[in-house]
Amino acid sequence: MSTEENKRNEFLFVKRQDLKEELRLTVIEVMAEFKEEKVWITAETTKNMLSIKSDTTLQMLRNTGKITFSQPLKKLILYKKASVLEYLEKHSHKPF
């Protein structure tokens, strides 16, 4: 048998109570992440949301005031998530 076949044939035995507890903790963790909605997002996240790759395009949006940003450190620029979503909404098109 190959290593891959061995991996498929392995079994893991877990007590039901342990599995329930692990699932409960995972659900709590995921729910906490949704609750803690981030107000400020990184340049990478912003570019992903806007489907752009260029830092220059992002800078142009900043310079023209189309998205709100904060620069708490010299090399750190954060973007207000609400303004990015608002920009996307303003530039959305309704289907025919």
C-alpha atoms as a PDB file:
ATOM      1  CA  MET A   1       0.000   0.000   0.000  1.00  0.00           C
ATOM      2  CA  SER A   2       1.205   3.507  -0.777  1.00  0.00           C
ATOM      3  CA  THR A   3       1.557   6.214   1.850  1.00  0.00           C
ATOM      4  CA  GLU A   4      -1.500   7.961   0.432  1.00  0.00           C
ATOM      5  CA  GLU A   5      -3.597   4.796   0.790  1.00  0.00           C
ATOM      6  CA  ASN A   6      -2.373   4.370   4.372  1.00  0.00           C
ATOM      7  CA  LYS A   7      -3.469   7.908   5.201  1.00  0.00           C
ATOM      8  CA  ARG A   8      -6.951   7.227   3.865  1.00  0.00           C
ATOM      9  CA  ASN A   9      -7.236   4.077   5.942  1.00  0.00           C
ATOM     10  CA  GLU A  10      -6.255   5.696   9.242  1.00  0.00           C
ATOM     11  CA  PHE A  11      -8.922   6.200  11.877  1.00  0.00           C
ATOM     12  CA  LEU A  12      -9.009   8.612  14.753  1.00  0.00           C
ATOM     13  CA  PHE A  13     -11.053   7.696  17.778  1.00  0.00           C
ATOM     14  CA  VAL A  14     -12.383  10.558  19.862  1.00  0.00           C
ATOM     15  CA  LYS A  15     -14.744  10.514  22.789  1.00  0.00           C
ATOM     16  CA  ARG A  16     -18.101  11.993  21.920  1.00  0.00           C
ATOM     17  CA  GLN A  17     -17.880  14.501  24.787  1.00  0.00           C
ATOM     18  CA  ASP A  18     -14.414  15.648  23.678  1.00  0.00           C
ATOM     19  CA  LEU A  19     -15.661  16.131  20.125  1.00  0.00           C
ATOM     20  CA  LYS A  20     -18.678  18.118  21.338  1.00  0.00           C
ATOM     21  CA  GLU A  21     -16.449  20.361  23.436  1.00  0.00           C
ATOM     22  CA  GLU A  22     -14.059  20.936  20.553  1.00  0.00           C
ATOM     23  CA  LEU A  23     -16.949  21.821  18.241  1.00  0.00           C
ATOM     24  CA  ARG A  24     -18.452  24.139  20.852  1.00  0.00           C
ATOM     25  CA  LEU A  25     -15.161  26.000  21.257  1.00  0.00           C
ATOM     26  CA  THR A  26     -14.730  26.286  17.498  1.00  0.00           C
ATOM     27  CA  VAL A  27     -18.230  27.721  17.062  1.00  0.00           C
ATOM     28  CA  ILE A  28     -17.597  30.260  19.840  1.00  0.00           C
ATOM     29  CA  GLU A  29     -14.324  31.266  18.176  1.00  0.00           C
ATOM     30  CA  VAL A  30     -15.946  31.747  14.765  1.00  0.00           C
ATOM     31  CA  MET A  31     -18.829  33.738  16.232  1.00  0.00           C
ATOM     32  CA  ALA A  32     -16.390  35.998  18.089  1.00  0.00           C
ATOM     33  CA  GLU A  33     -14.600  36.760  14.823  1.00  0.00           C
ATOM     34  CA  PHE A  34     -17.862  37.858  13.220  1.00  0.00           C
ATOM     35  CA  LYS A  35     -18.717  40.054  16.214  1.00  0.00           C
ATOM     36  CA  GLU A  36     -15.385  41.835  16.101  1.00  0.00           C
ATOM     37  CA  GLU A  37     -15.985  43.445  12.723  1.00  0.00           C
ATOM     38  CA  LYS A  38     -12.899  45.444  11.872  1.00  0.00           C
ATOM     39  CA  VAL A  39     -13.358  49.177  11.309  1.00  0.00           C
ATOM     40  CA  TRP A  40      -9.922  49.701   9.775  1.00  0.00           C
ATOM     41  CA  ILE A  41      -8.403  47.332   7.209  1.00  0.00           C
ATOM     42  CA  THR A  42      -4.969  46.929   5.633  1.00  0.00           C
ATOM     43  CA  ALA A  43      -3.944  47.980   2.138  1.00  0.00           C
ATOM     44  CA  GLU A  44      -3.855  44.335   1.021  1.00  0.00           C
ATOM     45  CA  THR A  45      -7.399  43.691   2.249  1.00  0.00           C
ATOM     46  CA  THR A  46      -8.567  46.927   0.627  1.00  0.00           C
ATOM     47  CA  LYS A  47      -6.995  46.000  -2.710  1.00  0.00           C
ATOM     48  CA  ASN A  48      -8.606  42.565  -2.549  1.00  0.00           C
ATOM     49  CA  MET A  49     -12.024  44.077  -1.831  1.00  0.00           C
ATOM     50  CA  LEU A  50     -11.660  46.495  -4.755  1.00  0.00           C
ATOM     51  CA  SER A  51     -10.098  43.874  -7.064  1.00  0.00           C
ATOM     52  CA  ILE A  52      -7.082  46.068  -7.737  1.00  0.00           C
ATOM     53  CA  LYS A  53      -3.431  45.060  -7.691  1.00  0.00           C
ATOM     54  CA  SER A  54      -1.688  48.404  -7.940  1.00  0.00           C
ATOM     55  CA  ASP A  55      -0.545  50.444  -4.952  1.00  0.00           C
ATOM     56  CA  THR A  56      -0.677  53.465  -7.269  1.00  0.00           C
ATOM     57  CA  THR A  57      -4.398  52.982  -7.889  1.00  0.00           C
ATOM     58  CA  LEU A  58      -4.975  52.717  -4.158  1.00  0.00           C
ATOM     59  CA  GLN A  59      -2.976  55.910  -3.606  1.00  0.00           C
ATOM     60  CA  MET A  60      -5.052  57.690  -6.277  1.00  0.00           C
ATOM     61  CA  LEU A  61      -8.255  56.701  -4.453  1.00  0.00           C
ATOM     62  CA  ARG A  62      -6.716  58.079  -1.241  1.00  0.00           C
ATOM     63  CA  ASN A  63      -5.478  61.311  -2.821  1.00  0.00           C
ATOM     64  CA  THR A  64      -8.821  62.067  -4.467  1.00  0.00           C
ATOM     65  CA  GLY A  65     -10.698  61.465  -1.210  1.00  0.00           C
ATOM     66  CA  LYS A  66     -12.714  58.569  -2.592  1.00  0.00           C
ATOM     67  CA  ILE A  67     -11.862  56.319   0.359  1.00  0.00           C
ATOM     68  CA  THR A  68     -11.102  57.272   3.959  1.00  0.00           C
ATOM     69  CA  PHE A  69      -7.719  56.371   5.389  1.00  0.00           C
ATOM     70  CA  SER A  70      -5.621  56.784   8.502  1.00  0.00           C
ATOM     71  CA  GLN A  71      -1.852  56.741   8.825  1.00  0.00           C
ATOM     72  CA  PRO A  72      -1.055  55.914  12.463  1.00  0.00           C
ATOM     73  CA  LEU A  73       2.589  55.112  11.610  1.00  0.00           C
ATOM     74  CA  LYS A  74       4.864  56.373   8.860  1.00  0.00           C
ATOM     75  CA  LYS A  75       4.737  53.118   6.885  1.00  0.00           C
ATOM     76  CA  LEU A  76       1.266  51.949   7.923  1.00  0.00           C
ATOM     77  CA  ILE A  77      -1.831  53.141   6.132  1.00  0.00           C
ATOM     78  CA  LEU A  78      -5.211  51.742   7.135  1.00  0.00           C
ATOM     79  CA  TYR A  79      -8.484  52.166   5.278  1.00  0.00           C
ATOM     80  CA  LYS A  80     -11.939  52.615   6.749  1.00  0.00           C
ATOM     81  CA  LYS A  81     -13.872  49.514   5.720  1.00  0.00           C
ATOM     82  CA  ALA A  82     -17.188  51.398   5.605  1.00  0.00           C
ATOM     83  CA  SER A  83     -15.793  53.917   3.097  1.00  0.00           C
ATOM     84  CA  VAL A  84     -14.455  51.115   0.882  1.00  0.00           C
ATOM     85  CA  LEU A  85     -17.870  49.415   0.916  1.00  0.00           C
ATOM     86  CA  GLU A  86     -19.526  52.781   0.195  1.00  0.00           C
ATOM     87  CA  TYR A  87     -17.176  53.315  -2.769  1.00  0.00           C
ATOM     88  CA  LEU A  88     -18.072  49.877  -4.123  1.00  0.00           C
ATOM     89  CA  GLU A  89     -21.777  50.595  -3.683  1.00  0.00           C
ATOM     90  CA  LYS A  90     -21.508  53.943  -5.519  1.00  0.00           C
ATOM     91  CA  HIS A  91     -19.817  52.234  -8.438  1.00  0.00           C
ATOM     92  CA  SER A  92     -22.095  49.221  -8.661  1.00  0.00           C
ATOM     93  CA  HIS A  93     -24.384  48.765 -11.633  1.00  0.00           C
ATOM     94  CA  LYS A  94     -27.832  47.269 -11.577  1.00  0.00           C
ATOM     95  CA  PRO A  95     -28.503  44.497 -14.105  1.00  0.00           C
ATOM     96  CA  PHE A  96     -30.764  45.220 -17.059  1.00  0.00           C
END
